Amino acid sequence: MIKRTSFFLVVVLLTMLSSCQVIGAIFKTGISVGIFIAVLVVGLILYVLSKAAGGSK
């Protein structure tokens, strides 16, 4: 189901936008997801370090 939806979305984007706009949208999405994952990992590391340092009193 997800592959079918993704394929449909790509086809719609390719028919509605120029190739440069499609590539730009892909890279913007990739960067935002990458930043989100990095922030999530840093937050998880800080959480683990605070618990290891005696955060629960």
PDB file of N, CA and C in Angstrom:
ATOM      1  N   MET A   1       0.823  -1.192   0.000  1.00  0.00           N
ATOM      2  CA  MET A   1       0.000   0.000   0.000  1.00  0.00           C
ATOM      3  C   MET A   1       0.865   1.252   0.000  1.00  0.00           C
ATOM      4  N   ILE A   2       1.895   1.280   0.846  1.00  0.00           N
ATOM      5  CA  ILE A   2       2.742   2.468   0.943  1.00  0.00           C
ATOM      6  C   ILE A   2       3.542   2.658  -0.347  1.00  0.00           C
ATOM      7  N   LYS A   3       4.033   1.560  -0.930  1.00  0.00           N
ATOM      8  CA  LYS A   3       4.786   1.660  -2.183  1.00  0.00           C
ATOM      9  C   LYS A   3       3.894   2.207  -3.291  1.00  0.00           C
ATOM     10  N   ARG A   4       2.661   1.784  -3.313  1.00  0.00           N
ATOM     11  CA  ARG A   4       1.736   2.253  -4.341  1.00  0.00           C
ATOM     12  C   ARG A   4       1.470   3.748  -4.169  1.00  0.00           C
ATOM     13  N   THR A   5       1.288   4.188  -2.925  1.00  0.00           N
ATOM     14  CA  THR A   5       1.053   5.596  -2.643  1.00  0.00           C
ATOM     15  C   THR A   5       2.290   6.417  -2.992  1.00  0.00           C
ATOM     16  N   SER A   6       3.472   5.929  -2.639  1.00  0.00           N
ATOM     17  CA  SER A   6       4.707   6.640  -2.952  1.00  0.00           C
ATOM     18  C   SER A   6       4.892   6.760  -4.459  1.00  0.00           C
ATOM     19  N   PHE A   7       4.628   5.691  -5.190  1.00  0.00           N
ATOM     20  CA  PHE A   7       4.754   5.711  -6.639  1.00  0.00           C
ATOM     21  C   PHE A   7       3.795   6.724  -7.242  1.00  0.00           C
ATOM     22  N   PHE A   8       2.576   6.738  -6.753  1.00  0.00           N
ATOM     23  CA  PHE A   8       1.575   7.696  -7.246  1.00  0.00           C
ATOM     24  C   PHE A   8       2.017   9.126  -6.972  1.00  0.00           C
ATOM     25  N   LEU A   9       2.566   9.376  -5.791  1.00  0.00           N
ATOM     26  CA  LEU A   9       3.040  10.708  -5.435  1.00  0.00           C
ATOM     27  C   LEU A   9       4.180  11.141  -6.343  1.00  0.00           C
ATOM     28  N   VAL A  10       5.102  10.246  -6.625  1.00  0.00           N
ATOM     29  CA  VAL A  10       6.220  10.564  -7.513  1.00  0.00           C
ATOM     30  C   VAL A  10       5.719  10.880  -8.920  1.00  0.00           C
ATOM     31  N   VAL A  11       4.776  10.099  -9.403  1.00  0.00           N
ATOM     32  CA  VAL A  11       4.233  10.346 -10.741  1.00  0.00           C
ATOM     33  C   VAL A  11       3.543  11.706 -10.801  1.00  0.00           C
ATOM     34  N   VAL A  12       2.777  12.028  -9.774  1.00  0.00           N
ATOM     35  CA  VAL A  12       2.093  13.330  -9.741  1.00  0.00           C
ATOM     36  C   VAL A  12       3.113  14.459  -9.699  1.00  0.00           C
ATOM     37  N   LEU A  13       4.139  14.319  -8.874  1.00  0.00           N
ATOM     38  CA  LEU A  13       5.163  15.368  -8.799  1.00  0.00           C
ATOM     39  C   LEU A  13       5.890  15.535 -10.119  1.00  0.00           C
ATOM     40  N   LEU A  14       6.205  14.434 -10.770  1.00  0.00           N
ATOM     41  CA  LEU A  14       6.932  14.511 -12.031  1.00  0.00           C
ATOM     42  C   LEU A  14       6.100  15.154 -13.134  1.00  0.00           C
ATOM     43  N   THR A  15       4.803  14.963 -13.097  1.00  0.00           N
ATOM     44  CA  THR A  15       3.968  15.549 -14.129  1.00  0.00           C
ATOM     45  C   THR A  15       3.635  17.006 -13.843  1.00  0.00           C
ATOM     46  N   MET A  16       3.650  17.405 -12.580  1.00  0.00           N
ATOM     47  CA  MET A  16       3.255  18.765 -12.226  1.00  0.00           C
ATOM     48  C   MET A  16       4.432  19.721 -12.079  1.00  0.00           C
ATOM     49  N   LEU A  17       5.588  19.230 -11.740  1.00  0.00           N
ATOM     50  CA  LEU A  17       6.729  20.084 -11.457  1.00  0.00           C
ATOM     51  C   LEU A  17       7.850  19.835 -12.451  1.00  0.00           C
ATOM     52  N   SER A  18       8.729  20.822 -12.572  1.00  0.00           N
ATOM     53  CA  SER A  18       9.903  20.583 -13.399  1.00  0.00           C
ATOM     54  C   SER A  18      10.880  19.697 -12.632  1.00  0.00           C
ATOM     55  N   SER A  19      11.845  19.148 -13.313  1.00  0.00           N
ATOM     56  CA  SER A  19      12.776  18.214 -12.672  1.00  0.00           C
ATOM     57  C   SER A  19      13.574  18.891 -11.567  1.00  0.00           C
ATOM     58  N   CYS A  20      13.946  20.146 -11.749  1.00  0.00           N
ATOM     59  CA  CYS A  20      14.722  20.844 -10.718  1.00  0.00           C
ATOM     60  C   CYS A  20      13.900  21.018  -9.444  1.00  0.00           C
ATOM     61  N   GLN A  21      12.633  21.293  -9.584  1.00  0.00           N
ATOM     62  CA  GLN A  21      11.776  21.462  -8.420  1.00  0.00           C
ATOM     63  C   GLN A  21      11.595  20.140  -7.685  1.00  0.00           C
ATOM     64  N   VAL A  22      11.489  19.047  -8.418  1.00  0.00           N
ATOM     65  CA  VAL A  22      11.335  17.729  -7.796  1.00  0.00           C
ATOM     66  C   VAL A  22      12.590  17.376  -7.013  1.00  0.00           C
ATOM     67  N   ILE A  23      13.759  17.570  -7.621  1.00  0.00           N
ATOM     68  CA  ILE A  23      15.029  17.283  -6.937  1.00  0.00           C
ATOM     69  C   ILE A  23      15.173  18.162  -5.704  1.00  0.00           C
ATOM     70  N   GLY A  24      14.817  19.429  -5.814  1.00  0.00           N
ATOM     71  CA  GLY A  24      14.886  20.339  -4.665  1.00  0.00           C
ATOM     72  C   GLY A  24      13.983  19.889  -3.527  1.00  0.00           C
ATOM     73  N   ALA A  25      12.774  19.433  -3.860  1.00  0.00           N
ATOM     74  CA  ALA A  25      11.850  18.958  -2.829  1.00  0.00           C
ATOM     75  C   ALA A  25      12.384  17.705  -2.153  1.00  0.00           C
ATOM     76  N   ILE A  26      13.009  16.817  -2.930  1.00  0.00           N
ATOM     77  CA  ILE A  26      13.569  15.592  -2.347  1.00  0.00           C
ATOM     78  C   ILE A  26      14.691  15.935  -1.379  1.00  0.00           C
ATOM     79  N   PHE A  27      15.578  16.847  -1.776  1.00  0.00           N
ATOM     80  CA  PHE A  27      16.681  17.207  -0.893  1.00  0.00           C
ATOM     81  C   PHE A  27      16.206  17.957   0.350  1.00  0.00           C
ATOM     82  N   LYS A  28      15.208  18.818   0.217  1.00  0.00           N
ATOM     83  CA  LYS A  28      14.675  19.523   1.391  1.00  0.00           C
ATOM     84  C   LYS A  28      14.081  18.538   2.384  1.00  0.00           C
ATOM     85  N   THR A  29      13.356  17.560   1.891  1.00  0.00           N
ATOM     86  CA  THR A  29      12.779  16.542   2.763  1.00  0.00           C
ATOM     87  C   THR A  29      13.873  15.740   3.430  1.00  0.00           C
ATOM     88  N   GLY A  30      14.895  15.378   2.697  1.00  0.00           N
ATOM     89  CA  GLY A  30      16.002  14.612   3.254  1.00  0.00           C
ATOM     90  C   GLY A  30      16.733  15.361   4.347  1.00  0.00           C
ATOM     91  N   ILE A  31      16.960  16.657   4.126  1.00  0.00           N
ATOM     92  CA  ILE A  31      17.663  17.464   5.111  1.00  0.00           C
ATOM     93  C   ILE A  31      16.824  17.606   6.381  1.00  0.00           C
ATOM     94  N   SER A  32      15.530  17.858   6.230  1.00  0.00           N
ATOM     95  CA  SER A  32      14.690  18.048   7.411  1.00  0.00           C
ATOM     96  C   SER A  32      14.582  16.759   8.224  1.00  0.00           C
ATOM     97  N   VAL A  33      14.471  15.634   7.546  1.00  0.00           N
ATOM     98  CA  VAL A  33      14.400  14.349   8.246  1.00  0.00           C
ATOM     99  C   VAL A  33      15.732  14.051   8.931  1.00  0.00           C
ATOM    100  N   GLY A  34      16.843  14.352   8.253  1.00  0.00           N
ATOM    101  CA  GLY A  34      18.164  14.144   8.844  1.00  0.00           C
ATOM    102  C   GLY A  34      18.375  14.983  10.090  1.00  0.00           C
ATOM    103  N   ILE A  35      17.952  16.233  10.046  1.00  0.00           N
ATOM    104  CA  ILE A  35      18.073  17.110  11.214  1.00  0.00           C
ATOM    105  C   ILE A  35      17.199  16.592  12.350  1.00  0.00           C
ATOM    106  N   PHE A  36      15.989  16.149  12.041  1.00  0.00           N
ATOM    107  CA  PHE A  36      15.093  15.614  13.062  1.00  0.00           C
ATOM    108  C   PHE A  36      15.698  14.386  13.736  1.00  0.00           C
ATOM    109  N   ILE A  37      16.257  13.484  12.955  1.00  0.00           N
ATOM    110  CA  ILE A  37      16.862  12.281  13.519  1.00  0.00           C
ATOM    111  C   ILE A  37      18.069  12.639  14.373  1.00  0.00           C
ATOM    112  N   ALA A  38      18.885  13.600  13.925  1.00  0.00           N
ATOM    113  CA  ALA A  38      20.054  14.008  14.703  1.00  0.00           C
ATOM    114  C   ALA A  38      19.636  14.599  16.042  1.00  0.00           C
ATOM    115  N   VAL A  39      18.616  15.449  16.052  1.00  0.00           N
ATOM    116  CA  VAL A  39      18.124  16.036  17.301  1.00  0.00           C
ATOM    117  C   VAL A  39      17.570  14.947  18.210  1.00  0.00           C
ATOM    118  N   LEU A  40      16.884  13.979  17.637  1.00  0.00           N
ATOM    119  CA  LEU A  40      16.338  12.875  18.416  1.00  0.00           C
ATOM    120  C   LEU A  40      17.450  12.050  19.065  1.00  0.00           C
ATOM    121  N   VAL A  41      18.507  11.766  18.322  1.00  0.00           N
ATOM    122  CA  VAL A  41      19.624  10.981  18.857  1.00  0.00           C
ATOM    123  C   VAL A  41      20.340  11.751  19.961  1.00  0.00           C
ATOM    124  N   VAL A  42      20.578  13.044  19.754  1.00  0.00           N
ATOM    125  CA  VAL A  42      21.243  13.849  20.791  1.00  0.00           C
ATOM    126  C   VAL A  42      20.382  13.895  22.050  1.00  0.00           C
ATOM    127  N   GLY A  43      19.077  14.062  21.892  1.00  0.00           N
ATOM    128  CA  GLY A  43      18.179  14.061  23.047  1.00  0.00           C
ATOM    129  C   GLY A  43      18.198  12.731  23.786  1.00  0.00           C
ATOM    130  N   LEU A  44      18.235  11.638  23.052  1.00  0.00           N
ATOM    131  CA  LEU A  44      18.296  10.312  23.674  1.00  0.00           C
ATOM    132  C   LEU A  44      19.602  10.129  24.434  1.00  0.00           C
ATOM    133  N   ILE A  45      20.703  10.575  23.857  1.00  0.00           N
ATOM    134  CA  ILE A  45      21.998  10.469  24.534  1.00  0.00           C
ATOM    135  C   ILE A  45      22.007  11.304  25.808  1.00  0.00           C
ATOM    136  N   LEU A  46      21.482  12.517  25.751  1.00  0.00           N
ATOM    137  CA  LEU A  46      21.425  13.358  26.952  1.00  0.00           C
ATOM    138  C   LEU A  46      20.533  12.735  28.024  1.00  0.00           C
ATOM    139  N   TYR A  47      19.431  12.121  27.611  1.00  0.00           N
ATOM    140  CA  TYR A  47      18.537  11.461  28.556  1.00  0.00           C
ATOM    141  C   TYR A  47      19.247  10.297  29.251  1.00  0.00           C
ATOM    142  N   VAL A  48      19.946   9.469  28.486  1.00  0.00           N
ATOM    143  CA  VAL A  48      20.661   8.331  29.045  1.00  0.00           C
ATOM    144  C   VAL A  48      21.766   8.787  29.978  1.00  0.00           C
ATOM    145  N   LEU A  49      22.496   9.826  29.595  1.00  0.00           N
ATOM    146  CA  LEU A  49      23.568  10.339  30.452  1.00  0.00           C
ATOM    147  C   LEU A  49      23.017  10.938  31.751  1.00  0.00           C
ATOM    148  N   SER A  50      21.877  11.606  31.676  1.00  0.00           N
ATOM    149  CA  SER A  50      21.312  12.180  32.891  1.00  0.00           C
ATOM    150  C   SER A  50      20.825  11.072  33.850  1.00  0.00           C
ATOM    151  N   LYS A  51      20.285   9.998  33.301  1.00  0.00           N
ATOM    152  CA  LYS A  51      19.853   8.884  34.140  1.00  0.00           C
ATOM    153  C   LYS A  51      21.053   8.158  34.741  1.00  0.00           C
ATOM    154  N   ALA A  52      22.131   8.027  33.974  1.00  0.00           N
ATOM    155  CA  ALA A  52      23.341   7.350  34.460  1.00  0.00           C
ATOM    156  C   ALA A  52      24.042   8.178  35.527  1.00  0.00           C
ATOM    157  N   ALA A  53      23.892   9.501  35.467  1.00  0.00           N
ATOM    158  CA  ALA A  53      24.550  10.386  36.426  1.00  0.00           C
ATOM    159  C   ALA A  53      23.732  10.554  37.717  1.00  0.00           C
ATOM    160  N   GLY A  54      22.630   9.860  37.827  1.00  0.00           N
ATOM    161  CA  GLY A  54      21.821   9.931  39.043  1.00  0.00           C
ATOM    162  C   GLY A  54      20.671  10.908  38.922  1.00  0.00           C
ATOM    163  N   GLY A  55      20.060  10.993  37.758  1.00  0.00           N
ATOM    164  CA  GLY A  55      18.958  11.913  37.523  1.00  0.00           C
ATOM    165  C   GLY A  55      17.695  11.546  38.287  1.00  0.00           C
ATOM    166  N   SER A  56      17.509  10.291  38.653  1.00  0.00           N
ATOM    167  CA  SER A  56      16.295   9.893  39.379  1.00  0.00           C
ATOM    168  C   SER A  56      16.600   9.792  40.869  1.00  0.00           C
ATOM    169  N   LYS A  57      16.147  10.797  41.611  1.00  0.00           N
ATOM    170  CA  LYS A  57      16.410  10.839  43.063  1.00  0.00           C
ATOM    171  C   LYS A  57      15.179  10.493  43.836  1.00  0.00           C
TER     172      LYS A  57
END
